[in-house]
Amino acid sequence: MSISSDRVLFVSGCGHSGTTLLSIILDSHPKIYTIKRETNWFNNHLCDEPIIQQEYLFEKNKDEVKFYSKDIILEKTANHVFSVELINQYFPNCNHVFITRNPLDACASLFQRYQNLDQAINRWNYSNQCVLTHSTEKYCWLVRYENLITHTQQELEMLCRFLKLDYANEMLNYHSTGARFMAIDEITNKRNQQVSQPIYNTIGSHKQILDNQQINYVLEKTQKLRQILGY
């Protein structure tokens, strides 16, 4: 690769767990440049070094002055949580930030998208198993969505220390910067609407989506991982 891999930060985790929110918040830091789309660089057929180099140059050329004035380049593709080892081959000195969310709320949100509860549960289990595989490694940091929502500044201060950056209060005003991900579908549009608002508490949102039988089913199917993660 033609870039210094210690400048690159990958944010990933289970979908509908706050990866977009966290990326837009971090983009408000004066020293972080966030690529405003999910590149899917390491998903299946796109994992090809010439393609990755071409994509990187595309991002750089969009705003080269801003790009090189930052200390960290942030890429967010939720499904890159499945490709950590491969990413590290291309970017051997990069960092990873994973985000986890209570399985009830995450699966309820995924269920609204898929209309299939088993598919939602399988994605949560598979994604968070990958998170647990790497979360204790020195180049990885784990954020709990619930902590980000309820103790925002404290979580961001710890994350900045991991990234070797000074904390920047601008991150708390992320919603006023106008930073948005490239709108390519209804899901992206909805995410952009969400990150255009101040942080609001969505903990327990599953109660408006799942009935008691579905709640118990999610708890049963996610029991092992959620207990390890403290849910």
C-alpha atoms as a PDB file:
ATOM      1  CA  MET A   1       0.000   0.000   0.000  1.00  0.00           C
ATOM      2  CA  SER A   2       1.114   3.575  -0.701  1.00  0.00           C
ATOM      3  CA  ILE A   3      -0.104   4.911   2.633  1.00  0.00           C
ATOM      4  CA  SER A   4       1.159   4.789   6.182  1.00  0.00           C
ATOM      5  CA  SER A   5      -1.020   2.161   7.801  1.00  0.00           C
ATOM      6  CA  ASP A   6      -0.647   3.608  11.286  1.00  0.00           C
ATOM      7  CA  ARG A   7      -2.791   6.525  10.081  1.00  0.00           C
ATOM      8  CA  VAL A   8      -5.760   4.280   9.341  1.00  0.00           C
ATOM      9  CA  LEU A   9      -8.551   3.426  11.781  1.00  0.00           C
ATOM     10  CA  PHE A  10     -11.229   0.860  10.960  1.00  0.00           C
ATOM     11  CA  VAL A  11     -14.591   1.087  12.751  1.00  0.00           C
ATOM     12  CA  SER A  12     -16.760  -2.012  12.561  1.00  0.00           C
ATOM     13  CA  GLY A  13     -19.216  -4.191  14.435  1.00  0.00           C
ATOM     14  CA  CYS A  14     -22.665  -5.649  14.042  1.00  0.00           C
ATOM     15  CA  GLY A  15     -24.943  -3.556  11.861  1.00  0.00           C
ATOM     16  CA  HIS A  16     -27.444  -1.328  13.687  1.00  0.00           C
ATOM     17  CA  SER A  17     -25.101  -1.055  16.669  1.00  0.00           C
ATOM     18  CA  GLY A  18     -23.893   2.533  16.244  1.00  0.00           C
ATOM     19  CA  THR A  19     -20.978   2.287  13.812  1.00  0.00           C
ATOM     20  CA  THR A  20     -22.264   5.230  11.744  1.00  0.00           C
ATOM     21  CA  LEU A  21     -22.931   7.365  14.817  1.00  0.00           C
ATOM     22  CA  LEU A  22     -19.479   6.702  16.240  1.00  0.00           C
ATOM     23  CA  SER A  23     -17.794   7.447  12.898  1.00  0.00           C
ATOM     24  CA  ILE A  24     -19.590  10.770  12.466  1.00  0.00           C
ATOM     25  CA  ILE A  25     -18.767  11.734  16.055  1.00  0.00           C
ATOM     26  CA  LEU A  26     -15.081  10.954  15.456  1.00  0.00           C
ATOM     27  CA  ASP A  27     -15.168  12.871  12.175  1.00  0.00           C
ATOM     28  CA  SER A  28     -15.841  15.988  14.272  1.00  0.00           C
ATOM     29  CA  HIS A  29     -12.410  15.603  15.864  1.00  0.00           C
ATOM     30  CA  PRO A  30      -9.983  18.086  14.261  1.00  0.00           C
ATOM     31  CA  LYS A  31      -7.422  15.350  13.660  1.00  0.00           C
ATOM     32  CA  ILE A  32      -9.680  12.672  12.118  1.00  0.00           C
ATOM     33  CA  TYR A  33     -10.853  12.398   8.521  1.00  0.00           C
ATOM     34  CA  THR A  34     -13.755   9.979   7.986  1.00  0.00           C
ATOM     35  CA  ILE A  35     -14.442   8.437   4.586  1.00  0.00           C
ATOM     36  CA  LYS A  36     -18.143   9.198   4.166  1.00  0.00           C
ATOM     37  CA  ARG A  37     -19.210   5.849   2.762  1.00  0.00           C
ATOM     38  CA  GLU A  38     -18.857   2.159   3.500  1.00  0.00           C
ATOM     39  CA  THR A  39     -16.044   1.167   1.150  1.00  0.00           C
ATOM     40  CA  ASN A  40     -16.447  -2.616   1.552  1.00  0.00           C
ATOM     41  CA  TRP A  41     -12.775  -2.861   0.641  1.00  0.00           C
ATOM     42  CA  PHE A  42     -12.368  -6.227   2.323  1.00  0.00           C
ATOM     43  CA  ASN A  43     -15.688  -7.847   1.504  1.00  0.00           C
ATOM     44  CA  ASN A  44     -15.350 -10.707  -0.978  1.00  0.00           C
ATOM     45  CA  HIS A  45     -14.575  -9.629  -4.558  1.00  0.00           C
ATOM     46  CA  LEU A  46     -13.508  -6.107  -3.603  1.00  0.00           C
ATOM     47  CA  CYS A  47     -10.535  -7.379  -1.639  1.00  0.00           C
ATOM     48  CA  ASP A  48      -7.920  -6.631  -4.261  1.00  0.00           C
ATOM     49  CA  GLU A  49      -4.898  -4.419  -3.636  1.00  0.00           C
ATOM     50  CA  PRO A  50      -5.116  -2.371  -6.882  1.00  0.00           C
ATOM     51  CA  ILE A  51      -8.790  -1.683  -6.183  1.00  0.00           C
ATOM     52  CA  ILE A  52      -8.070  -0.613  -2.618  1.00  0.00           C
ATOM     53  CA  GLN A  53      -5.282   1.690  -3.807  1.00  0.00           C
ATOM     54  CA  GLN A  54      -7.571   3.184  -6.439  1.00  0.00           C
ATOM     55  CA  GLU A  55     -10.345   3.723  -3.906  1.00  0.00           C
ATOM     56  CA  TYR A  56      -7.930   5.331  -1.481  1.00  0.00           C
ATOM     57  CA  LEU A  57      -6.678   7.743  -4.135  1.00  0.00           C
ATOM     58  CA  PHE A  58     -10.291   8.590  -4.991  1.00  0.00           C
ATOM     59  CA  GLU A  59     -10.923   9.599  -1.373  1.00  0.00           C
ATOM     60  CA  LYS A  60      -7.682  11.559  -1.176  1.00  0.00           C
ATOM     61  CA  ASN A  61      -8.353  13.502  -4.367  1.00  0.00           C
ATOM     62  CA  LYS A  62     -11.800  14.612  -3.207  1.00  0.00           C
ATOM     63  CA  ASP A  63     -10.231  16.898  -0.604  1.00  0.00           C
ATOM     64  CA  GLU A  64      -6.472  16.456  -0.606  1.00  0.00           C
ATOM     65  CA  VAL A  65      -5.703  19.422   1.660  1.00  0.00           C
ATOM     66  CA  LYS A  66      -8.083  18.236   4.369  1.00  0.00           C
ATOM     67  CA  PHE A  67      -7.039  14.617   3.872  1.00  0.00           C
ATOM     68  CA  TYR A  68      -3.369  15.264   4.612  1.00  0.00           C
ATOM     69  CA  SER A  69      -4.033  17.735   7.422  1.00  0.00           C
ATOM     70  CA  LYS A  70      -5.429  14.941   9.589  1.00  0.00           C
ATOM     71  CA  ASP A  71      -3.578  12.480  11.780  1.00  0.00           C
ATOM     72  CA  ILE A  72      -6.029   9.597  11.288  1.00  0.00           C
ATOM     73  CA  ILE A  73      -8.024   8.349   8.293  1.00  0.00           C
ATOM     74  CA  LEU A  74     -11.186   6.550   9.448  1.00  0.00           C
ATOM     75  CA  GLU A  75     -12.948   3.884   7.386  1.00  0.00           C
ATOM     76  CA  LYS A  76     -16.282   2.487   8.553  1.00  0.00           C
ATOM     77  CA  THR A  77     -17.778  -0.648   7.075  1.00  0.00           C
ATOM     78  CA  ALA A  78     -19.737  -2.621   9.666  1.00  0.00           C
ATOM     79  CA  ASN A  79     -19.038  -5.964   7.981  1.00  0.00           C
ATOM     80  CA  HIS A  80     -15.288  -5.430   8.082  1.00  0.00           C
ATOM     81  CA  VAL A  81     -15.580  -6.980  11.541  1.00  0.00           C
ATOM     82  CA  PHE A  82     -15.399 -10.287   9.644  1.00  0.00           C
ATOM     83  CA  SER A  83     -12.097  -9.367   7.967  1.00  0.00           C
ATOM     84  CA  VAL A  84      -9.784  -8.127  10.714  1.00  0.00           C
ATOM     85  CA  GLU A  85      -6.957 -10.546   9.899  1.00  0.00           C
ATOM     86  CA  LEU A  86      -7.122  -9.652   6.218  1.00  0.00           C
ATOM     87  CA  ILE A  87      -7.202  -5.927   6.952  1.00  0.00           C
ATOM     88  CA  ASN A  88      -4.097  -6.315   9.092  1.00  0.00           C
ATOM     89  CA  GLN A  89      -2.265  -7.890   6.164  1.00  0.00           C
ATOM     90  CA  TYR A  90      -2.856  -4.770   4.075  1.00  0.00           C
ATOM     91  CA  PHE A  91      -2.570  -2.271   6.947  1.00  0.00           C
ATOM     92  CA  PRO A  92      -0.264  -3.992   9.479  1.00  0.00           C
ATOM     93  CA  ASN A  93      -0.082  -1.026  11.872  1.00  0.00           C
ATOM     94  CA  CYS A  94      -3.704   0.095  11.741  1.00  0.00           C
ATOM     95  CA  ASN A  95      -6.114   0.315  14.654  1.00  0.00           C
ATOM     96  CA  HIS A  96      -9.604  -1.127  15.021  1.00  0.00           C
ATOM     97  CA  VAL A  97     -12.538   0.182  17.042  1.00  0.00           C
ATOM     98  CA  PHE A  98     -15.437  -2.218  17.535  1.00  0.00           C
ATOM     99  CA  ILE A  99     -18.841  -1.267  18.871  1.00  0.00           C
ATOM    100  CA  THR A 100     -21.304  -3.626  20.542  1.00  0.00           C
ATOM    101  CA  ARG A 101     -24.953  -3.176  21.448  1.00  0.00           C
ATOM    102  CA  ASN A 102     -27.439  -5.035  23.602  1.00  0.00           C
ATOM    103  CA  PRO A 103     -28.715  -7.949  21.471  1.00  0.00           C
ATOM    104  CA  LEU A 104     -32.354  -7.121  22.179  1.00  0.00           C
ATOM    105  CA  ASP A 105     -32.108  -3.598  20.778  1.00  0.00           C
ATOM    106  CA  ALA A 106     -29.707  -4.515  17.969  1.00  0.00           C
ATOM    107  CA  CYS A 107     -31.703  -7.560  16.852  1.00  0.00           C
ATOM    108  CA  ALA A 108     -34.971  -5.625  17.043  1.00  0.00           C
ATOM    109  CA  SER A 109     -33.539  -2.964  14.754  1.00  0.00           C
ATOM    110  CA  LEU A 110     -32.165  -5.604  12.367  1.00  0.00           C
ATOM    111  CA  PHE A 111     -35.517  -7.391  12.467  1.00  0.00           C
ATOM    112  CA  GLN A 112     -37.224  -4.238  11.209  1.00  0.00           C
ATOM    113  CA  ARG A 113     -34.783  -4.249   8.307  1.00  0.00           C
ATOM    114  CA  TYR A 114     -34.816  -7.961   7.441  1.00  0.00           C
ATOM    115  CA  GLN A 115     -38.290  -8.968   8.647  1.00  0.00           C
ATOM    116  CA  ASN A 116     -36.557 -12.162   9.746  1.00  0.00           C
ATOM    117  CA  LEU A 117     -35.636 -12.539  13.412  1.00  0.00           C
ATOM    118  CA  ASP A 118     -33.331 -15.517  12.913  1.00  0.00           C
ATOM    119  CA  GLN A 119     -31.341 -13.568  10.336  1.00  0.00           C
ATOM    120  CA  ALA A 120     -31.015 -10.685  12.781  1.00  0.00           C
ATOM    121  CA  ILE A 121     -29.881 -12.985  15.588  1.00  0.00           C
ATOM    122  CA  ASN A 122     -27.380 -14.806  13.381  1.00  0.00           C
ATOM    123  CA  ARG A 123     -25.801 -11.536  12.314  1.00  0.00           C
ATOM    124  CA  TRP A 124     -25.515 -10.320  15.911  1.00  0.00           C
ATOM    125  CA  ASN A 125     -23.959 -13.596  17.058  1.00  0.00           C
ATOM    126  CA  TYR A 126     -21.529 -13.870  14.164  1.00  0.00           C
ATOM    127  CA  SER A 127     -20.449 -10.224  14.327  1.00  0.00           C
ATOM    128  CA  ASN A 128     -19.916 -10.193  18.063  1.00  0.00           C
ATOM    129  CA  GLN A 129     -18.043 -13.470  18.040  1.00  0.00           C
ATOM    130  CA  CYS A 130     -15.590 -11.756  15.704  1.00  0.00           C
ATOM    131  CA  VAL A 131     -15.453  -8.760  18.053  1.00  0.00           C
ATOM    132  CA  LEU A 132     -14.609 -11.003  20.999  1.00  0.00           C
ATOM    133  CA  THR A 133     -11.899 -12.744  19.001  1.00  0.00           C
ATOM    134  CA  HIS A 134      -9.962  -9.497  18.592  1.00  0.00           C
ATOM    135  CA  SER A 135     -11.175  -7.052  21.236  1.00  0.00           C
ATOM    136  CA  THR A 136      -8.347  -7.704  23.709  1.00  0.00           C
ATOM    137  CA  GLU A 137      -5.567  -7.273  21.142  1.00  0.00           C
ATOM    138  CA  LYS A 138      -3.399  -4.183  21.594  1.00  0.00           C
ATOM    139  CA  TYR A 139      -4.468  -2.489  18.349  1.00  0.00           C
ATOM    140  CA  CYS A 140      -8.192  -2.901  19.123  1.00  0.00           C
ATOM    141  CA  TRP A 141     -10.635  -0.915  21.255  1.00  0.00           C
ATOM    142  CA  LEU A 142     -14.160  -1.893  22.276  1.00  0.00           C
ATOM    143  CA  VAL A 143     -16.995   0.641  22.702  1.00  0.00           C
ATOM    144  CA  ARG A 144     -20.348  -0.273  24.185  1.00  0.00           C
ATOM    145  CA  TYR A 145     -23.178   1.567  22.467  1.00  0.00           C
ATOM    146  CA  GLU A 146     -24.975   2.020  25.766  1.00  0.00           C
ATOM    147  CA  ASN A 147     -21.947   3.727  27.324  1.00  0.00           C
ATOM    148  CA  LEU A 148     -21.541   5.957  24.285  1.00  0.00           C
ATOM    149  CA  ILE A 149     -25.150   7.082  24.680  1.00  0.00           C
ATOM    150  CA  THR A 150     -25.212   7.579  28.452  1.00  0.00           C
ATOM    151  CA  HIS A 151     -21.596   8.604  29.195  1.00  0.00           C
ATOM    152  CA  THR A 152     -20.598  10.151  25.887  1.00  0.00           C
ATOM    153  CA  GLN A 153     -17.724  12.385  26.944  1.00  0.00           C
ATOM    154  CA  GLN A 154     -16.160   9.740  29.192  1.00  0.00           C
ATOM    155  CA  GLU A 155     -16.250   7.148  26.414  1.00  0.00           C
ATOM    156  CA  LEU A 156     -14.766   9.561  23.890  1.00  0.00           C
ATOM    157  CA  GLU A 157     -12.005  10.602  26.269  1.00  0.00           C
ATOM    158  CA  MET A 158     -10.949   6.964  26.698  1.00  0.00           C
ATOM    159  CA  LEU A 159     -11.130   6.364  22.974  1.00  0.00           C
ATOM    160  CA  CYS A 160      -8.975   9.414  22.266  1.00  0.00           C
ATOM    161  CA  ARG A 161      -6.347   8.127  24.671  1.00  0.00           C
ATOM    162  CA  PHE A 162      -6.297   4.827  22.783  1.00  0.00           C
ATOM    163  CA  LEU A 163      -5.846   6.746  19.512  1.00  0.00           C
ATOM    164  CA  LYS A 164      -3.139   8.938  21.089  1.00  0.00           C
ATOM    165  CA  LEU A 165      -5.155  12.073  20.421  1.00  0.00           C
ATOM    166  CA  ASP A 166      -6.149  14.922  22.692  1.00  0.00           C
ATOM    167  CA  TYR A 167      -9.839  14.928  23.525  1.00  0.00           C
ATOM    168  CA  ALA A 168     -11.775  17.473  21.446  1.00  0.00           C
ATOM    169  CA  ASN A 169     -15.020  18.908  22.747  1.00  0.00           C
ATOM    170  CA  GLU A 170     -16.177  19.479  19.161  1.00  0.00           C
ATOM    171  CA  MET A 171     -17.161  15.817  19.053  1.00  0.00           C
ATOM    172  CA  LEU A 172     -20.145  16.516  21.294  1.00  0.00           C
ATOM    173  CA  ASN A 173     -21.515  18.821  18.584  1.00  0.00           C
ATOM    174  CA  TYR A 174     -21.093  16.301  15.769  1.00  0.00           C
ATOM    175  CA  HIS A 175     -24.701  16.762  14.644  1.00  0.00           C
ATOM    176  CA  SER A 176     -24.153  20.418  13.747  1.00  0.00           C
ATOM    177  CA  THR A 177     -21.209  19.838  11.382  1.00  0.00           C
ATOM    178  CA  GLY A 178     -23.280  18.626   8.438  1.00  0.00           C
ATOM    179  CA  ALA A 179     -21.096  15.528   8.029  1.00  0.00           C
ATOM    180  CA  ARG A 180     -23.098  12.704   6.474  1.00  0.00           C
ATOM    181  CA  PHE A 181     -22.440   9.385   4.762  1.00  0.00           C
ATOM    182  CA  MET A 182     -23.058   9.141   1.024  1.00  0.00           C
ATOM    183  CA  ALA A 183     -26.775   8.448   0.622  1.00  0.00           C
ATOM    184  CA  ILE A 184     -27.100   5.389  -1.588  1.00  0.00           C
ATOM    185  CA  ASP A 185     -30.292   3.825  -0.262  1.00  0.00           C
ATOM    186  CA  GLU A 186     -33.099   4.178   2.253  1.00  0.00           C
ATOM    187  CA  ILE A 187     -30.971   2.719   5.047  1.00  0.00           C
ATOM    188  CA  THR A 188     -28.234   5.313   4.552  1.00  0.00           C
ATOM    189  CA  ASN A 189     -30.800   8.089   4.419  1.00  0.00           C
ATOM    190  CA  LYS A 190     -32.233   6.933   7.729  1.00  0.00           C
ATOM    191  CA  ARG A 191     -28.780   6.798   9.314  1.00  0.00           C
ATOM    192  CA  ASN A 192     -28.046  10.319   8.106  1.00  0.00           C
ATOM    193  CA  GLN A 193     -31.273  11.559   9.670  1.00  0.00           C
ATOM    194  CA  GLN A 194     -30.288   9.948  12.959  1.00  0.00           C
ATOM    195  CA  VAL A 195     -26.786  11.469  13.058  1.00  0.00           C
ATOM    196  CA  SER A 196     -28.168  14.925  12.249  1.00  0.00           C
ATOM    197  CA  GLN A 197     -29.625  15.015  15.767  1.00  0.00           C
ATOM    198  CA  PRO A 198     -27.975  15.185  19.196  1.00  0.00           C
ATOM    199  CA  ILE A 199     -27.493  11.827  20.889  1.00  0.00           C
ATOM    200  CA  TYR A 200     -30.770  10.486  22.205  1.00  0.00           C
ATOM    201  CA  ASN A 201     -31.389   7.441  24.359  1.00  0.00           C
ATOM    202  CA  THR A 202     -32.630   4.419  22.387  1.00  0.00           C
ATOM    203  CA  ILE A 203     -31.830   1.873  25.087  1.00  0.00           C
ATOM    204  CA  GLY A 204     -34.802  -0.453  25.449  1.00  0.00           C
ATOM    205  CA  SER A 205     -36.220   0.362  22.016  1.00  0.00           C
ATOM    206  CA  HIS A 206     -36.840  -3.350  21.433  1.00  0.00           C
ATOM    207  CA  LYS A 207     -39.915  -3.138  23.667  1.00  0.00           C
ATOM    208  CA  GLN A 208     -41.770  -1.272  20.922  1.00  0.00           C
ATOM    209  CA  ILE A 209     -40.763  -3.819  18.268  1.00  0.00           C
ATOM    210  CA  LEU A 210     -40.616  -7.330  19.762  1.00  0.00           C
ATOM    211  CA  ASP A 211     -43.281  -9.192  21.694  1.00  0.00           C
ATOM    212  CA  ASN A 212     -42.479 -11.218  24.810  1.00  0.00           C
ATOM    213  CA  GLN A 213     -42.054 -14.463  22.898  1.00  0.00           C
ATOM    214  CA  GLN A 214     -39.599 -12.842  20.505  1.00  0.00           C
ATOM    215  CA  ILE A 215     -37.707 -11.206  23.363  1.00  0.00           C
ATOM    216  CA  ASN A 216     -37.256 -14.549  25.106  1.00  0.00           C
ATOM    217  CA  TYR A 217     -36.172 -16.130  21.827  1.00  0.00           C
ATOM    218  CA  VAL A 218     -33.469 -13.496  21.302  1.00  0.00           C
ATOM    219  CA  LEU A 219     -32.264 -13.904  24.881  1.00  0.00           C
ATOM    220  CA  GLU A 220     -32.046 -17.677  24.444  1.00  0.00           C
ATOM    221  CA  LYS A 221     -30.205 -17.568  21.121  1.00  0.00           C
ATOM    222  CA  THR A 222     -27.702 -14.914  22.209  1.00  0.00           C
ATOM    223  CA  GLN A 223     -27.183 -16.134  25.783  1.00  0.00           C
ATOM    224  CA  LYS A 224     -23.559 -17.247  25.542  1.00  0.00           C
ATOM    225  CA  LEU A 225     -22.182 -14.158  23.839  1.00  0.00           C
ATOM    226  CA  ARG A 226     -24.325 -11.602  25.627  1.00  0.00           C
ATOM    227  CA  GLN A 227     -23.190 -12.937  28.998  1.00  0.00           C
ATOM    228  CA  ILE A 228     -19.546 -12.695  27.986  1.00  0.00           C
ATOM    229  CA  LEU A 229     -20.187  -9.135  26.781  1.00  0.00           C
ATOM    230  CA  GLY A 230     -22.007  -8.278  29.989  1.00  0.00           C
ATOM    231  CA  TYR A 231     -25.545  -7.991  28.620  1.00  0.00           C
END
